[in-house]
Amino acid sequence: MRFGVLGPLQVLEGEHDLTPGPAKHRALLAALLLQPRRPLTVDRLIAEVWGDQPPVSAEAVLRVYVSALRKVVDGIRTVPGGYLLDVDPDQVDAHRFERLVTAGRRTRDAGRTAEAADDLRAALALWRGPALAGIDSGELRRAHAVPLEELRLTAIEERVALDLALGRGAEVAGEVRALVAAHPLRERAWGQLMLALDQAGRRSEALGAYQEARRLLVDELGLEPGAELREAHERVLAGGPPSRAMPNETAPSRAVPNETPPDVVDFTGRERVLDWIRRSVPPAGTSPVHLVLHGPAGSGKSAVAIHAATALDFPDGRLYASLRARTPGAMLEDLLRSLGCPEGAVPADLDERIRLYRSMVSGRRLLVVLDDAADEAQVRPLLPTGPGCLTLVTSRSPLSGLEAARACEIGVFDPGESMAMLARVAGERRVRAEPQAAARIAALCGGLPLALRIAGSRLARRSSWTLEHLAGRLEDERGRLDELSAGDLTVRSSLALGYRALSDRERLLLRRLGALSAPDFAPWAAAAVLGAPADRLLESLAEAGLLQARGLDSTGQERYGWHDLTRLYAVERLAAEEGPPARVLTVAAREILDRTRRARALLLPAEPGSGQTLVRTAEQAMVLETTQLRESARRLAVERGFLVATVTDFQRTGLDEAAWRLAFYLTPFFELGAHREDWRQSVELGLRSARRMGHRHGEALLLRSLADLHRAEGRLVEAAEALQLALPLAEAGEVARTRHRLGLVHLAQGRLPEAEASFVACLTAFSAAGDQRGRADALRALGGLRRAEDLLLRSLEAYRELGDPRGEAAVSLDLAALHLDQRRPAEARRRAERGLDLVRRLGDRRPEAAGLVVLARVAMAEGRPDTARGAAEEALGTFREYADRGGAAQALLTLAAAFLDLDEVDGAVDAVTRAVAEFDALGDKQGLARAEGLADETRRRRGMRI
């Protein structure tokens, strides 16, 4: 199979033309053909097929196009993030053309002039018309067609030079006349036309050609002919035998610029990025490559670009331009002078400067470093178009709109790289002497190369300082930016440059985000501190390198984060321009609390008639509600880090009401997901706030939450103490709920009479108050204690009326366990499967594991110990993942019983031994009694003591 892009797209298999008809199919195939065996991302392909206005469904449509093309072309592979066309580059005429041009140049350089001319002639014969003719894609034309056309013109000129060296001027004169007619500003072609006419004995026409060329250059560019054209003129004027141009006499000697700044002496790390740059260097004669190195302030983008540039060999030189606060016109003036444009010959008009710049670089293989670019418009006019050129652009933005550019993010150092850089600057011996303090400094600098360099410089200048001393100074957030200053190097000034470049609204949002200490946040949180929608502003801040887009979370929101030093700078700007962060947090508190309260209400549906009930008993309504409950849990899961940090922010800034309420609203989510450290931190902070403001009801609610945490951890004494403290503080409606929790603690302690008395009293109180949720909870607890099916069925009905599938699932599993004890395995299976189906629809993994334990017991009763073992092992894995020791103990007990039925006594010994240890550590006397009973049976079977 052969492919053509040097003209209209062409796909040939033998004599059969398989070229796709639809325009978008052809554009996609052309994009893949132009970079064979290279993975192309979906985003890149969408841009090359549709440009900057793709349809909303572009990604799905692209998959359809790929599927259609696979029916015609073998070798289209799906790779992570995109596609790859696995064909030999020589099957594509553009790549065969580039290879033949390179071979012709090597032959020419070896002195085989006639052979070189034939090689170039064969390369040029591959062209059937303009590159990518008929492909409707501006992106593809800019990225590939333009460089290919430029290489074609250069190859024609090089082949003509070889023919002239062989004395074939008469044969090529007409061809070169057509070339200058199509490209009247190419001085080299005019010079070759003069020499060809001279060789053909048409000296007067040759001199006339010079006058025509001079008039065009003066009129169009305001420039006199360059050295090469003047030299051709002088040859013709000199008379004598017809002039011959040697193949390597195609350009006068010129200075090779080398403008890159000195390399950083203590440059550290970045091997992955440097290797990517080295692998991206285009071979001579191929399309130019443009690379964008982007990242936050102080990440070392310029250092990487300069270090890479100094190690690369480009025969025609290296250009360097710092773009900070400079216009493209001013930069072009400097670059033109570096390329040898005489003083006073730089055109005044920007477009003319761009044309002249492109003309001057077209025949050179250059490396161009464009440092600190603000946006795409500043960069585009400065990109070299010559074959084999490389451009390294540094920017805080990825410059996503820069055509045909590839981008690489320069992030912060990892801990190993941070330590290495600190050692390079401060001294290896000092870092080895205090490795822990060095690691603290690296962490407090956040891996930011600029901050690490400053910290190392301060240590290098102060030999009396220990690393521990500097680490202590950096610990204080309020003074950290002051400490990260050395001479003219300061983190604050680097961040200030980016801040000053923002619009007023962008600055407002950035500094207000400083009120939040969360590691990342979603647009809704940014809108809460701003008091207005913030999506576009967040995108702009990410483009400016002051925020980092962290990708979509599981709810489909883009999440944003930032470097800790950027956050500290935002805190400074907030204090200086607006005052304490409490003012911003007060504005945001309502939205944060409202969202969390609504999510909590979905986790715990309210009773009918409250206006919040979303569930009906019909199965269709239940399916809808389980979806809403699952989404509620998912929203809380993705916001967990943000909300826990916000409890701290509220408490630290004196917003005590918001602090204790947010901590309380999060309790059921923490319990459901076994997020115990977050639970403990939030409850303790909330308790401090409730007590500081003297809010008795808030204190009671959080003591009850703390008791739930202690009970989940098996710390039953501490749970009872917390509940006893909460009882006198609780408001009337909450007293019964607190006593209900106390009854659950008594039950776990094996104090059954006290537990039953608590449940009976609570049931009476809940019923009298019309508290349906409390009534459902009390009926379940009392039914479980008494092993009373009627009470459990009443509880089940109450949960259904409440619209609480979680409650229904829990009681269904309780009933299944009761039916097992009553030797009713068929009914037990029906109840267990119903409960398990509900929790799976809700996405609740811990309750699902509890359901698997019950289902394992059902399988045991049905005589299927293999099935029971599988279910118990799956449940045990989930309980261990959630660090749920009580659940793990129940799973181990069931697993031991399954092993015994399978006559795998060693497995039973191991499982029951661990179950006994877990129940004993948790203080669960009922569970311990069951485990010890099974242990006795295991001893009997094994014939020895455990």
Foldseek 3Di string as FASTA:
>chain_A
DAWEQLAATFDDDPPDTLQDDDLLLNQLVVVQLVPAPDWDALVRSQCQRPNPDGDPCSSVVVVVSVVVVCVPAPQWAADVRGIHRHDDNCSYLLSVLLVLLVVLVVCVVVVNLVVSLVSLVVSLVSHPHQGNPPRPGPLCCVQARLLSVLLSLVSVLLSLLSCLQVLNLCVCLVVLVVVCVVVVQQLLSLLSNLLSCLSVVNLVVSLVSLVVSQVCCCVPQVDGRDDSNVVSNVVSVVDDHRDGHRSPNSDDDDDQEAPQDDADPLDFDPPVVLVVQVVQQADFSAWEAEEEEAAAFLLCLSNSVSVSVVPDDFPRYEAEDEPVVHALQVVLVVVVVSLPQDPPSQDPDPVSSLVVQQSSLQAGAYEYEYEADAEQNRCVSPDHGHGRHYYYYYYNAQNVSNRNHHYDYRYADDLVRLLSSLCSQQNVVLCVVPVVLSSLQCVLLVRRNLQSNQLSPVNNVPVPDHSNNLSVQSVDLLCNQVSSDDDPRGPLVSLVSLLVPDDPLLNVLLLLCLLFPFQKDFQVLSCQLSVHRCVVSVVVCSRNNQKPFPDAAPVGTTMIGGGPVSSSSSPVCCCVPPRHSVVSCVSNLVVVLVLLLLLLCLQPPAFPPPVRFQAALDPVSLLVSLLVNLVSLRVCVVCVRRLLRVLVSCLVVLVLVSNLSSLLSCLVSCVLLLVLVSNVSSLVSNCVSCVVVVPLQSNLSSLQSVLVSCLQVLVLVSSLVSLVVSQVSHDPVCNLVSLQSNLVSCLQLVVLVSSLVSLVVSCVSCVVVVRLVSNLSSLLSNCLSVVPPVSLVVSLVSCNSSSNLLSNLVSLQSVLVSCVVVLNLVSSQVSLVSSLVSCVSNVRLLSNLVSLLSVLSSCVSVVNLVSSLVSLVVSLVSCVVSVRLVSNLSSLQSNLVSCVSVVVLVSNQVSLVSSLVSSVVSSRVVSNVSSVVVQVVSCVSVVHHD
